[in-house]
Amino acid sequence: MKGKRTDRLNSEFRKIIYDVIKNKLNIAGVTEMFSITEVDVSPDLKHAKVYISVYSTSEEKEKATFDAICKASPEIRRELAHSTTIRYVPELRFYKDGASAYGNKIDTILAGLTYGDNSNDDDNGNNG
């Protein structure tokens, strides 16, 4: 069970990690828009799962941006250590967040649905 401290750290790390990647580090491969959707710090504070969504129309650019962020993990962790007062900064593990892709898939499915059969409508718009 998670406590208030890890919940606070999750929220704070999410903000700081985004700021570090976006503003403090100049990571050459980050060319696409991204967001840190969630951070999940382990109870012993040794590891943190960082979920990232990359928004791109090109699958290659999306992968390149994600890979560049993963490769910069040590620098991101170092900056995180400088930005917080926590004694031990967890090892960062980056994961793709598939929630937006899953949401787009559901939206596409829902857009393709038809509701009812309108062939039985009479001229007044009433079903008959």
N, C-alpha and C. Protein backbone atom coordinates (compact mmCIF):
# COMPACT_ATOMS: atom_id res chain seq x y z
N MET A 1 0.84 -1.19 0.00
CA MET A 1 0.00 0.00 0.00
C MET A 1 0.88 1.25 0.00
N LYS A 2 0.51 2.19 -0.77
CA LYS A 2 1.30 3.41 -0.89
C LYS A 2 0.86 4.41 0.16
N GLY A 3 1.81 5.20 0.56
CA GLY A 3 1.53 6.22 1.55
C GLY A 3 1.45 7.59 0.93
N LYS A 4 1.20 8.56 1.79
CA LYS A 4 1.11 9.95 1.32
C LYS A 4 2.44 10.43 0.77
N ARG A 5 3.53 9.96 1.37
CA ARG A 5 4.84 10.41 0.92
C ARG A 5 5.11 9.99 -0.52
N THR A 6 4.86 8.72 -0.85
CA THR A 6 5.11 8.28 -2.22
C THR A 6 4.16 8.96 -3.20
N ASP A 7 2.94 9.22 -2.78
CA ASP A 7 2.00 9.95 -3.65
C ASP A 7 2.52 11.36 -3.93
N ARG A 8 3.04 12.02 -2.91
CA ARG A 8 3.62 13.36 -3.09
C ARG A 8 4.83 13.30 -4.01
N LEU A 9 5.70 12.30 -3.77
CA LEU A 9 6.89 12.15 -4.60
C LEU A 9 6.52 11.86 -6.06
N ASN A 10 5.53 11.02 -6.28
CA ASN A 10 5.08 10.73 -7.65
C ASN A 10 4.71 12.00 -8.37
N SER A 11 3.91 12.83 -7.72
CA SER A 11 3.45 14.07 -8.33
C SER A 11 4.60 15.05 -8.56
N GLU A 12 5.45 15.18 -7.56
CA GLU A 12 6.57 16.11 -7.66
C GLU A 12 7.58 15.65 -8.72
N PHE A 13 7.90 14.38 -8.73
CA PHE A 13 8.84 13.86 -9.73
C PHE A 13 8.29 14.02 -11.14
N ARG A 14 7.00 13.84 -11.32
CA ARG A 14 6.39 14.00 -12.65
C ARG A 14 6.64 15.41 -13.18
N LYS A 15 6.42 16.39 -12.33
CA LYS A 15 6.62 17.79 -12.74
C LYS A 15 8.10 18.09 -13.00
N ILE A 16 8.95 17.65 -12.09
CA ILE A 16 10.38 17.96 -12.22
C ILE A 16 11.00 17.25 -13.42
N ILE A 17 10.67 15.99 -13.63
CA ILE A 17 11.24 15.24 -14.76
C ILE A 17 10.84 15.90 -16.08
N TYR A 18 9.58 16.32 -16.19
CA TYR A 18 9.15 17.01 -17.42
C TYR A 18 9.97 18.28 -17.61
N ASP A 19 10.11 19.07 -16.55
CA ASP A 19 10.86 20.32 -16.63
C ASP A 19 12.32 20.08 -17.01
N VAL A 20 12.92 19.05 -16.43
CA VAL A 20 14.32 18.72 -16.73
C VAL A 20 14.48 18.37 -18.21
N ILE A 21 13.62 17.51 -18.72
CA ILE A 21 13.73 17.09 -20.12
C ILE A 21 13.45 18.26 -21.06
N LYS A 22 12.42 19.02 -20.75
CA LYS A 22 11.98 20.10 -21.64
C LYS A 22 12.90 21.33 -21.60
N ASN A 23 13.34 21.71 -20.39
CA ASN A 23 14.02 22.99 -20.25
C ASN A 23 15.49 22.93 -19.85
N LYS A 24 15.88 21.97 -19.03
CA LYS A 24 17.23 21.99 -18.50
C LYS A 24 18.23 21.21 -19.33
N LEU A 25 17.81 20.10 -19.89
CA LEU A 25 18.72 19.30 -20.72
C LEU A 25 18.44 19.56 -22.18
N ASN A 26 19.47 19.57 -22.96
CA ASN A 26 19.32 19.73 -24.40
C ASN A 26 19.55 18.36 -25.03
N ILE A 27 18.49 17.54 -25.03
CA ILE A 27 18.59 16.18 -25.56
C ILE A 27 18.33 16.25 -27.07
N ALA A 28 19.35 15.89 -27.83
CA ALA A 28 19.30 16.06 -29.29
C ALA A 28 18.15 15.30 -29.95
N GLY A 29 17.83 14.12 -29.50
CA GLY A 29 16.84 13.29 -30.17
C GLY A 29 15.40 13.62 -29.84
N VAL A 30 15.17 14.51 -28.89
CA VAL A 30 13.80 14.85 -28.50
C VAL A 30 13.29 15.92 -29.46
N THR A 31 12.56 15.46 -30.48
CA THR A 31 12.06 16.37 -31.50
C THR A 31 10.54 16.48 -31.48
N GLU A 32 9.88 15.58 -30.77
CA GLU A 32 8.42 15.54 -30.77
C GLU A 32 7.88 15.98 -29.41
N MET A 33 6.60 16.34 -29.42
CA MET A 33 5.93 16.74 -28.20
C MET A 33 5.71 15.49 -27.33
N PHE A 34 5.86 15.65 -26.02
CA PHE A 34 5.71 14.52 -25.11
C PHE A 34 5.11 15.00 -23.80
N SER A 35 4.65 14.06 -23.00
CA SER A 35 4.21 14.38 -21.65
C SER A 35 4.57 13.23 -20.73
N ILE A 36 4.81 13.57 -19.49
CA ILE A 36 5.04 12.56 -18.45
C ILE A 36 3.66 12.32 -17.85
N THR A 37 3.09 11.17 -18.13
CA THR A 37 1.71 10.92 -17.70
C THR A 37 1.63 10.40 -16.28
N GLU A 38 2.65 9.68 -15.84
CA GLU A 38 2.61 9.13 -14.49
C GLU A 38 4.02 8.76 -14.05
N VAL A 39 4.25 8.89 -12.75
CA VAL A 39 5.47 8.40 -12.13
C VAL A 39 5.04 7.53 -10.97
N ASP A 40 5.65 6.35 -10.88
CA ASP A 40 5.31 5.41 -9.82
C ASP A 40 6.60 5.05 -9.07
N VAL A 41 6.80 5.67 -7.91
CA VAL A 41 7.99 5.44 -7.10
C VAL A 41 7.74 4.23 -6.21
N SER A 42 8.72 3.32 -6.15
CA SER A 42 8.58 2.15 -5.29
C SER A 42 8.62 2.58 -3.82
N PRO A 43 8.01 1.80 -2.94
CA PRO A 43 7.96 2.17 -1.51
C PRO A 43 9.35 2.34 -0.87
N ASP A 44 10.34 1.60 -1.37
CA ASP A 44 11.69 1.74 -0.80
C ASP A 44 12.49 2.87 -1.47
N LEU A 45 11.88 3.58 -2.41
CA LEU A 45 12.46 4.73 -3.12
C LEU A 45 13.68 4.39 -3.95
N LYS A 46 13.86 3.13 -4.32
CA LYS A 46 15.02 2.74 -5.11
C LYS A 46 14.76 2.80 -6.61
N HIS A 47 13.50 2.66 -7.01
CA HIS A 47 13.15 2.65 -8.43
C HIS A 47 11.92 3.52 -8.66
N ALA A 48 11.87 4.08 -9.85
CA ALA A 48 10.69 4.85 -10.25
C ALA A 48 10.36 4.52 -11.69
N LYS A 49 9.11 4.14 -11.93
CA LYS A 49 8.62 3.92 -13.29
C LYS A 49 8.08 5.24 -13.78
N VAL A 50 8.58 5.67 -14.93
CA VAL A 50 8.16 6.94 -15.52
C VAL A 50 7.45 6.62 -16.83
N TYR A 51 6.16 6.95 -16.91
CA TYR A 51 5.35 6.67 -18.10
C TYR A 51 5.30 7.92 -18.97
N ILE A 52 5.65 7.74 -20.24
CA ILE A 52 5.75 8.86 -21.18
C ILE A 52 4.83 8.62 -22.36
N SER A 53 4.13 9.67 -22.77
CA SER A 53 3.38 9.66 -24.03
C SER A 53 4.10 10.59 -24.99
N VAL A 54 4.39 10.10 -26.17
CA VAL A 54 5.00 10.92 -27.21
C VAL A 54 3.96 11.11 -28.30
N TYR A 55 3.75 12.37 -28.67
CA TYR A 55 2.72 12.70 -29.65
C TYR A 55 3.39 13.05 -30.98
N SER A 56 3.21 12.17 -31.95
CA SER A 56 3.82 12.37 -33.26
C SER A 56 3.00 11.65 -34.32
N THR A 57 3.05 12.17 -35.52
CA THR A 57 2.38 11.50 -36.63
C THR A 57 3.29 10.45 -37.25
N SER A 58 4.57 10.53 -36.95
CA SER A 58 5.54 9.58 -37.48
C SER A 58 5.97 8.60 -36.39
N GLU A 59 5.82 7.33 -36.67
CA GLU A 59 6.21 6.30 -35.71
C GLU A 59 7.72 6.31 -35.46
N GLU A 60 8.49 6.61 -36.49
CA GLU A 60 9.95 6.66 -36.35
C GLU A 60 10.38 7.80 -35.43
N LYS A 61 9.78 8.98 -35.61
CA LYS A 61 10.11 10.13 -34.76
C LYS A 61 9.67 9.89 -33.32
N GLU A 62 8.52 9.24 -33.17
CA GLU A 62 8.03 8.91 -31.83
C GLU A 62 9.01 7.99 -31.12
N LYS A 63 9.47 6.96 -31.82
CA LYS A 63 10.42 6.01 -31.24
C LYS A 63 11.75 6.70 -30.94
N ALA A 64 12.22 7.55 -31.85
CA ALA A 64 13.49 8.25 -31.65
C ALA A 64 13.44 9.16 -30.43
N THR A 65 12.32 9.85 -30.24
CA THR A 65 12.16 10.73 -29.08
C THR A 65 12.15 9.92 -27.80
N PHE A 66 11.40 8.84 -27.77
CA PHE A 66 11.34 7.99 -26.58
C PHE A 66 12.72 7.40 -26.27
N ASP A 67 13.41 6.91 -27.29
CA ASP A 67 14.75 6.32 -27.09
C ASP A 67 15.75 7.36 -26.58
N ALA A 68 15.66 8.59 -27.08
CA ALA A 68 16.56 9.65 -26.63
C ALA A 68 16.33 9.97 -25.16
N ILE A 69 15.08 9.98 -24.74
CA ILE A 69 14.77 10.23 -23.33
C ILE A 69 15.30 9.09 -22.47
N CYS A 70 15.10 7.86 -22.90
CA CYS A 70 15.61 6.70 -22.15
C CYS A 70 17.13 6.75 -22.02
N LYS A 71 17.80 7.11 -23.11
CA LYS A 71 19.26 7.17 -23.12
C LYS A 71 19.78 8.26 -22.18
N ALA A 72 19.01 9.30 -21.98
CA ALA A 72 19.42 10.42 -21.12
C ALA A 72 19.05 10.20 -19.66
N SER A 73 18.63 9.00 -19.32
CA SER A 73 18.18 8.70 -17.96
C SER A 73 19.18 9.11 -16.87
N PRO A 74 20.48 8.82 -17.02
CA PRO A 74 21.42 9.23 -15.97
C PRO A 74 21.48 10.75 -15.77
N GLU A 75 21.44 11.49 -16.86
CA GLU A 75 21.47 12.95 -16.75
C GLU A 75 20.19 13.48 -16.11
N ILE A 76 19.07 12.86 -16.47
CA ILE A 76 17.78 13.26 -15.90
C ILE A 76 17.78 13.00 -14.40
N ARG A 77 18.30 11.84 -14.00
CA ARG A 77 18.38 11.49 -12.58
C ARG A 77 19.28 12.47 -11.83
N ARG A 78 20.41 12.83 -12.43
CA ARG A 78 21.33 13.79 -11.81
C ARG A 78 20.66 15.14 -11.60
N GLU A 79 19.95 15.62 -12.60
CA GLU A 79 19.23 16.89 -12.47
C GLU A 79 18.12 16.79 -11.43
N LEU A 80 17.47 15.64 -11.38
CA LEU A 80 16.43 15.41 -10.38
C LEU A 80 17.02 15.50 -8.98
N ALA A 81 18.22 14.97 -8.79
CA ALA A 81 18.90 15.03 -7.50
C ALA A 81 19.20 16.48 -7.10
N HIS A 82 19.55 17.30 -8.08
CA HIS A 82 19.84 18.71 -7.80
C HIS A 82 18.58 19.51 -7.51
N SER A 83 17.46 19.05 -8.04
CA SER A 83 16.20 19.79 -7.92
C SER A 83 15.39 19.41 -6.69
N THR A 84 15.78 18.36 -5.99
CA THR A 84 15.01 17.92 -4.83
C THR A 84 15.92 17.87 -3.60
N THR A 85 15.28 17.76 -2.45
CA THR A 85 16.03 17.65 -1.21
C THR A 85 16.01 16.24 -0.66
N ILE A 86 15.55 15.31 -1.48
CA ILE A 86 15.47 13.92 -1.05
C ILE A 86 16.88 13.32 -0.98
N ARG A 87 17.10 12.46 -0.01
CA ARG A 87 18.42 11.88 0.22
C ARG A 87 18.84 10.93 -0.90
N TYR A 88 17.92 10.09 -1.33
CA TYR A 88 18.22 9.11 -2.36
C TYR A 88 17.26 9.30 -3.53
N VAL A 89 17.81 9.51 -4.71
CA VAL A 89 16.99 9.66 -5.90
C VAL A 89 16.87 8.30 -6.58
N PRO A 90 15.65 7.86 -6.85
CA PRO A 90 15.47 6.52 -7.41
C PRO A 90 16.01 6.38 -8.83
N GLU A 91 16.33 5.14 -9.18
CA GLU A 91 16.71 4.83 -10.55
C GLU A 91 15.47 4.98 -11.42
N LEU A 92 15.61 5.66 -12.54
CA LEU A 92 14.46 5.94 -13.41
C LEU A 92 14.37 4.90 -14.51
N ARG A 93 13.19 4.35 -14.66
CA ARG A 93 12.90 3.41 -15.75
C ARG A 93 11.75 4.00 -16.56
N PHE A 94 11.98 4.16 -17.84
CA PHE A 94 10.99 4.80 -18.70
C PHE A 94 10.16 3.76 -19.45
N TYR A 95 8.86 4.02 -19.52
CA TYR A 95 7.92 3.15 -20.22
C TYR A 95 7.02 3.99 -21.10
N LYS A 96 6.66 3.43 -22.24
CA LYS A 96 5.68 4.11 -23.11
C LYS A 96 4.30 3.97 -22.49
N ASP A 97 3.59 5.07 -22.45
CA ASP A 97 2.22 5.04 -21.95
C ASP A 97 1.31 4.87 -23.15
N GLY A 98 0.65 3.74 -23.23
CA GLY A 98 -0.21 3.44 -24.36
C GLY A 98 -1.63 3.91 -24.20
N ALA A 99 -1.92 4.67 -23.16
CA ALA A 99 -3.30 5.09 -22.90
C ALA A 99 -3.87 5.96 -24.01
N SER A 100 -3.07 6.87 -24.55
CA SER A 100 -3.59 7.75 -25.60
C SER A 100 -3.84 6.96 -26.89
N ALA A 101 -2.96 6.03 -27.22
CA ALA A 101 -3.17 5.20 -28.40
C ALA A 101 -4.41 4.33 -28.22
N TYR A 102 -4.57 3.80 -27.03
CA TYR A 102 -5.75 2.98 -26.73
C TYR A 102 -7.02 3.83 -26.82
N GLY A 103 -6.96 5.05 -26.31
CA GLY A 103 -8.10 5.96 -26.39
C GLY A 103 -8.46 6.31 -27.83
N ASN A 104 -7.45 6.53 -28.66
CA ASN A 104 -7.69 6.81 -30.08
C ASN A 104 -8.33 5.62 -30.77
N LYS A 105 -7.90 4.42 -30.41
CA LYS A 105 -8.47 3.21 -30.98
C LYS A 105 -9.95 3.09 -30.61
N ILE A 106 -10.28 3.34 -29.36
CA ILE A 106 -11.67 3.30 -28.90
C ILE A 106 -12.50 4.36 -29.60
N ASP A 107 -11.94 5.58 -29.75
CA ASP A 107 -12.66 6.65 -30.45
C ASP A 107 -12.97 6.25 -31.89
N THR A 108 -12.02 5.61 -32.56
CA THR A 108 -12.22 5.16 -33.94
C THR A 108 -13.33 4.12 -34.01
N ILE A 109 -13.31 3.19 -33.07
CA ILE A 109 -14.35 2.16 -33.04
C ILE A 109 -15.71 2.78 -32.80
N LEU A 110 -15.79 3.70 -31.84
CA LEU A 110 -17.07 4.34 -31.53
C LEU A 110 -17.58 5.20 -32.69
N ALA A 111 -16.67 5.84 -33.40
CA ALA A 111 -17.07 6.67 -34.54
C ALA A 111 -17.66 5.83 -35.66
N GLY A 112 -17.25 4.58 -35.75
CA GLY A 112 -17.74 3.70 -36.80
C GLY A 112 -19.07 3.03 -36.48
N LEU A 113 -19.53 3.18 -35.26
CA LEU A 113 -20.80 2.54 -34.88
C LEU A 113 -21.99 3.30 -35.45
N THR A 114 -23.02 2.58 -35.80
CA THR A 114 -24.28 3.21 -36.23
C THR A 114 -25.34 2.85 -35.20
N TYR A 115 -26.23 3.75 -34.98
CA TYR A 115 -27.26 3.57 -33.95
C TYR A 115 -28.61 3.35 -34.61
N GLY A 116 -29.14 2.16 -34.46
CA GLY A 116 -30.48 1.87 -34.96
C GLY A 116 -30.56 1.82 -36.47
N ASP A 117 -31.74 1.47 -36.94
CA ASP A 117 -32.01 1.42 -38.37
C ASP A 117 -33.00 2.52 -38.69
N ASN A 118 -32.57 3.53 -39.44
CA ASN A 118 -33.41 4.68 -39.75
C ASN A 118 -34.33 4.44 -40.94
N SER A 119 -34.35 3.26 -41.53
CA SER A 119 -35.16 3.01 -42.71
C SER A 119 -36.65 2.92 -42.39
N ASN A 120 -37.04 2.74 -41.14
CA ASN A 120 -38.45 2.64 -40.76
C ASN A 120 -39.05 3.98 -40.37
N ASP A 121 -38.31 5.07 -40.49
CA ASP A 121 -38.83 6.38 -40.12
C ASP A 121 -39.87 6.83 -41.14
N ASP A 122 -40.98 7.40 -40.66
CA ASP A 122 -41.96 7.97 -41.60
C ASP A 122 -41.60 9.44 -41.84
N ASP A 123 -42.45 10.14 -42.60
CA ASP A 123 -42.14 11.52 -42.99
C ASP A 123 -42.11 12.47 -41.81
N ASN A 124 -42.79 12.19 -40.72
CA ASN A 124 -42.84 13.06 -39.55
C ASN A 124 -41.67 12.84 -38.60
N GLY A 125 -40.79 11.92 -38.91
CA GLY A 125 -39.68 11.63 -38.05
C GLY A 125 -39.99 10.66 -36.94
N ASN A 126 -41.22 10.10 -36.97
CA ASN A 126 -41.60 9.13 -35.94
C ASN A 126 -41.35 7.72 -36.45
N ASN A 127 -41.01 6.84 -35.55
CA ASN A 127 -40.83 5.44 -35.94
C ASN A 127 -42.21 4.81 -36.08
N GLY A 128 -42.39 4.00 -37.08
CA GLY A 128 -43.71 3.48 -37.29
C GLY A 128 -43.81 2.07 -37.61
